[in-house]
């Protein structure tokens, strides 16, 4: 996930969002007449790594990162893994000329535009898991999926450091993003971040959908879908 380091990321509360039950899962996928679906990408959370134990670490960290993003979790005291692992939907809005960054150590040019981050630092104190190498493995996969859909949507995207040192299944190599957060390495942190600015004249929404499913052979194939919707 990351280059050899301690942790991964930081994030800020998102203002527009909701967590809905699986019965309402389809409601977020079909844009209303007042909005336009611009781009949509998904990946399996059961295909993050070939080893089942390591895959579950990646998957758990991705879902925990999304729980911090949506304010379902604000500290390790809030973590209930059974709840985090349930299907959900969440969205946040980005107004024109406003920026989302994956974590809070940002380049100076974004300071007046930043309105959102994922609200986590991917360390053990925040409850992120490790496979024995480092804490927070998996969040680079989430950042890369967001990068992919944002670029497909034509938004202004800067991902200074590519994740070409390791494969990210389901995501083309050119969209891989390296994410890093260490309280003693702010300069390095800013270069291993993801910056997305809404360059459109209308607000856009990022929508996240986690759905549990099975493959034809009966194995789990839980999916995470990220959509960009332009709001009229």
Protein backbone atom coordinates (compact mmCIF):
# COMPACT_ATOMS: atom_id res chain seq x y z
CA UNK A 1 0.00 0.00 0.00
CA UNK A 2 2.38 2.59 1.20
CA UNK A 3 6.09 2.87 0.91
CA UNK A 4 7.71 1.64 4.11
CA UNK A 5 6.46 4.00 6.79
CA UNK A 6 4.41 4.19 9.94
CA UNK A 7 0.92 5.26 9.06
CA UNK A 8 -1.18 6.72 6.34
CA UNK A 9 -3.73 9.57 6.33
CA UNK A 10 -5.91 12.31 7.75
CA UNK A 11 -9.36 13.62 7.06
CA UNK A 12 -12.00 16.26 7.87
CA UNK A 13 -15.74 15.84 8.57
CA UNK A 14 -17.89 15.86 5.48
CA UNK A 15 -21.04 17.90 5.61
CA UNK A 16 -23.37 16.20 3.16
CA UNK A 17 -23.92 12.49 3.57
CA UNK A 18 -26.09 9.68 4.83
CA UNK A 19 -25.72 6.07 5.81
CA UNK A 20 -28.59 4.01 4.52
CA UNK A 21 -29.53 0.39 4.94
CA UNK A 22 -29.12 -2.25 2.21
CA UNK A 23 -32.83 -2.09 1.41
CA UNK A 24 -32.29 1.42 0.05
CA UNK A 25 -29.08 0.59 -1.80
CA UNK A 26 -30.42 1.26 -5.28
CA UNK A 27 -31.76 4.70 -4.41
CA UNK A 28 -28.35 6.33 -4.64
CA UNK A 29 -27.32 4.73 -7.93
CA UNK A 30 -30.01 6.27 -10.13
CA UNK A 31 -29.53 10.03 -10.56
CA UNK A 32 -32.66 12.13 -10.17
CA UNK A 33 -33.83 14.58 -12.89
CA UNK A 34 -31.93 17.33 -11.04
CA UNK A 35 -28.55 15.63 -11.41
CA UNK A 36 -26.31 14.03 -13.99
CA UNK A 37 -24.09 10.98 -13.51
CA UNK A 38 -20.64 11.94 -14.80
CA UNK A 39 -18.47 8.94 -13.91
CA UNK A 40 -18.66 5.73 -11.91
CA UNK A 41 -16.06 3.08 -10.95
CA UNK A 42 -16.03 0.11 -8.61
CA UNK A 43 -13.69 -2.49 -7.20
CA UNK A 44 -14.04 -5.70 -5.23
CA UNK A 45 -12.95 -5.54 -1.60
CA UNK A 46 -12.35 -9.29 -1.68
CA UNK A 47 -9.69 -8.91 -4.37
CA UNK A 48 -7.25 -6.58 -2.60
CA UNK A 49 -4.52 -9.16 -1.99
CA UNK A 50 -3.93 -12.82 -2.77
CA UNK A 51 -3.51 -13.86 0.86
CA UNK A 52 -6.86 -14.04 2.71
CA UNK A 53 -5.52 -12.63 5.99
CA UNK A 54 -3.79 -9.69 4.32
CA UNK A 55 -6.84 -9.07 2.13
CA UNK A 56 -9.03 -8.79 5.22
CA UNK A 57 -6.61 -6.23 6.69
CA UNK A 58 -6.83 -4.17 3.50
CA UNK A 59 -10.60 -4.51 3.37
CA UNK A 60 -11.05 -3.59 7.03
CA UNK A 61 -8.85 -0.51 6.68
CA UNK A 62 -10.73 0.67 3.59
CA UNK A 63 -14.08 0.31 5.36
CA UNK A 64 -12.72 2.00 8.50
CA UNK A 65 -11.38 4.88 6.39
CA UNK A 66 -14.85 5.29 4.89
CA UNK A 67 -16.36 5.23 8.38
CA UNK A 68 -14.07 8.11 9.37
CA UNK A 69 -14.93 9.90 6.13
CA UNK A 70 -18.65 9.70 6.87
CA UNK A 71 -18.26 10.55 10.59
CA UNK A 72 -19.72 7.20 11.56
CA UNK A 73 -16.43 6.81 13.44
CA UNK A 74 -14.58 9.74 15.01
CA UNK A 75 -12.09 7.83 17.18
CA UNK A 76 -11.09 4.26 17.98
CA UNK A 77 -13.67 4.26 20.80
CA UNK A 78 -16.42 4.39 18.16
CA UNK A 79 -15.23 1.33 16.23
CA UNK A 80 -17.69 -1.55 16.00
CA UNK A 81 -16.42 -3.79 13.25
CA UNK A 82 -19.77 -5.54 12.75
CA UNK A 83 -21.36 -2.14 12.01
CA UNK A 84 -18.48 -0.93 9.84
CA UNK A 85 -18.77 -4.08 7.73
CA UNK A 86 -22.45 -3.58 6.88
CA UNK A 87 -23.56 -2.27 3.45
CA UNK A 88 -23.90 1.50 3.38
CA UNK A 89 -24.20 4.58 1.22
CA UNK A 90 -22.57 7.95 1.81
CA UNK A 91 -22.05 11.12 -0.18
CA UNK A 92 -20.47 14.54 0.13
CA UNK A 93 -20.83 17.67 -1.98
CA UNK A 94 -18.03 19.71 -3.51
CA UNK A 95 -18.91 23.23 -4.65
CA UNK A 96 -17.20 24.88 -7.64
CA UNK A 97 -13.52 25.71 -7.06
CA UNK A 98 -13.44 23.77 -3.76
CA UNK A 99 -10.97 20.98 -3.03
CA UNK A 100 -11.06 17.56 -1.43
CA UNK A 101 -7.75 16.17 -0.15
CA UNK A 102 -7.31 12.64 1.08
CA UNK A 103 -5.55 13.81 4.23
CA UNK A 104 -4.93 17.12 5.98
CA UNK A 105 -1.22 17.71 5.24
CA UNK A 106 -1.69 19.72 2.06
CA UNK A 107 0.29 21.89 -0.32
CA UNK A 108 -0.01 25.64 0.32
CA UNK A 109 -1.81 26.31 -2.95
CA UNK A 110 -4.87 24.37 -1.70
CA UNK A 111 -5.21 26.01 1.73
CA UNK A 112 -7.90 28.49 0.67
CA UNK A 113 -9.85 25.88 -1.29
CA UNK A 114 -9.78 22.84 0.99
CA UNK A 115 -13.19 21.86 2.40
CA UNK A 116 -12.98 18.05 2.79
CA UNK A 117 -10.58 15.31 3.84
CA UNK A 118 -11.15 11.71 4.98
CA UNK A 119 -10.63 12.55 8.64
CA UNK A 120 -8.12 9.83 9.56
CA UNK A 121 -4.37 9.22 9.90
CA UNK A 122 -4.35 5.45 9.41
CA UNK A 123 -2.49 4.61 12.58
CA UNK A 124 -2.97 2.13 15.41
CA UNK A 125 -4.35 4.82 17.74
CA UNK A 126 -7.24 5.29 15.32
CA UNK A 127 -7.87 1.55 15.14
CA UNK A 128 -6.37 0.80 11.74
CA UNK A 129 -5.12 -2.74 11.21
CA UNK A 130 -1.70 -4.05 10.24
CA UNK A 131 -0.60 -7.19 8.43
CA UNK A 132 2.71 -7.00 10.30
CA UNK A 133 4.34 -4.53 7.92
CA UNK A 134 2.60 -1.21 8.59
CA UNK A 135 -0.71 0.19 9.76
CA UNK A 136 -3.32 1.42 7.31
CA UNK A 137 -2.56 -0.92 4.42
CA UNK A 138 -5.44 -0.64 1.95
CA UNK A 139 -6.21 3.08 2.07
CA UNK A 140 -4.07 3.68 -1.03
CA UNK A 141 -6.51 1.41 -2.86
CA UNK A 142 -9.39 3.64 -1.80
CA UNK A 143 -7.51 6.78 -2.85
CA UNK A 144 -6.68 5.22 -6.21
CA UNK A 145 -10.33 4.36 -6.90
CA UNK A 146 -11.34 7.93 -6.06
CA UNK A 147 -8.53 9.26 -8.28
CA UNK A 148 -9.71 7.10 -11.18
CA UNK A 149 -13.34 8.21 -11.04
CA UNK A 150 -12.39 11.88 -10.51
CA UNK A 151 -10.16 11.89 -13.59
CA UNK A 152 -12.83 10.09 -15.60
CA UNK A 153 -15.24 12.86 -14.56
CA UNK A 154 -12.86 15.53 -15.86
CA UNK A 155 -12.24 17.13 -12.47
CA UNK A 156 -8.96 18.86 -11.66
CA UNK A 157 -6.84 16.17 -9.99
CA UNK A 158 -3.32 16.14 -8.60
CA UNK A 159 -1.80 12.92 -7.32
CA UNK A 160 1.91 13.76 -6.90
CA UNK A 161 3.18 10.24 -6.12
CA UNK A 162 2.14 7.19 -8.13
CA UNK A 163 1.63 3.79 -6.53
CA UNK A 164 3.66 2.05 -9.24
CA UNK A 165 5.76 0.18 -6.64
CA UNK A 166 2.83 -2.21 -6.00
CA UNK A 167 -0.19 -3.44 -7.95
CA UNK A 168 -3.71 -2.29 -7.06
CA UNK A 169 -6.18 -4.89 -8.37
CA UNK A 170 -9.12 -3.60 -10.46
CA UNK A 171 -7.53 -0.13 -10.84
CA UNK A 172 -5.36 0.67 -13.90
CA UNK A 173 -1.76 1.31 -12.93
CA UNK A 174 -1.77 4.92 -14.09
CA UNK A 175 -4.41 5.82 -11.48
CA UNK A 176 -2.56 4.38 -8.49
CA UNK A 177 -1.95 6.90 -5.69
CA UNK A 178 0.59 6.65 -2.88
CA UNK A 179 -0.76 7.97 0.43
CA UNK A 180 1.42 8.72 3.45
CA UNK A 181 0.87 10.39 6.82
CA UNK A 182 3.54 10.76 9.46
CA UNK A 183 3.49 13.57 12.04
CA UNK A 184 7.26 14.04 11.58
CA UNK A 185 7.27 14.14 7.77
CA UNK A 186 4.85 16.85 6.71
CA UNK A 187 6.77 17.66 3.54
CA UNK A 188 6.65 14.06 2.39
CA UNK A 189 3.01 13.81 3.43
CA UNK A 190 1.95 16.67 1.14
CA UNK A 191 3.57 14.89 -1.82
CA UNK A 192 1.81 11.63 -1.02
CA UNK A 193 -1.73 12.92 -1.00
CA UNK A 194 -4.64 13.23 -3.45
CA UNK A 195 -6.12 16.62 -4.35
CA UNK A 196 -9.40 16.93 -6.26
CA UNK A 197 -10.84 20.34 -7.17
CA UNK A 198 -14.28 20.88 -8.67
CA UNK A 199 -13.51 22.77 -11.88
CA UNK A 200 -17.11 22.63 -13.06
CA UNK A 201 -19.61 25.53 -12.86
CA UNK A 202 -22.02 23.44 -10.79
CA UNK A 203 -21.67 21.53 -7.51
CA UNK A 204 -20.77 17.87 -7.74
CA UNK A 205 -21.30 14.99 -5.32
CA UNK A 206 -19.03 12.06 -4.58
CA UNK A 207 -21.12 9.00 -3.78
CA UNK A 208 -19.82 5.87 -2.07
CA UNK A 209 -21.75 2.59 -2.08
CA UNK A 210 -20.67 -0.60 -0.36
CA UNK A 211 -22.63 -3.69 -1.34
CA UNK A 212 -22.18 -7.27 -0.20
CA UNK A 213 -22.54 -9.99 -2.82
CA UNK A 214 -21.47 -13.47 -3.83
CA UNK A 215 -19.75 -14.75 -6.95
CA UNK A 216 -21.37 -17.61 -8.90
CA UNK A 217 -19.04 -20.03 -7.10
CA UNK A 218 -20.40 -18.87 -3.73
CA UNK A 219 -17.34 -16.89 -2.63
CA UNK A 220 -17.72 -13.36 -1.28
CA UNK A 221 -17.27 -10.51 -3.75
CA UNK A 222 -18.18 -7.37 -1.81
CA UNK A 223 -18.06 -4.25 -4.00
CA UNK A 224 -17.23 -0.60 -3.39
CA UNK A 225 -18.60 1.82 -5.99
CA UNK A 226 -17.67 5.49 -6.25
CA UNK A 227 -19.67 7.88 -8.45
CA UNK A 228 -19.34 11.53 -9.41
CA UNK A 229 -22.66 13.28 -10.00
CA UNK A 230 -23.14 16.82 -11.25
CA UNK A 231 -25.93 18.64 -9.42
CA UNK A 232 -28.22 20.98 -11.38
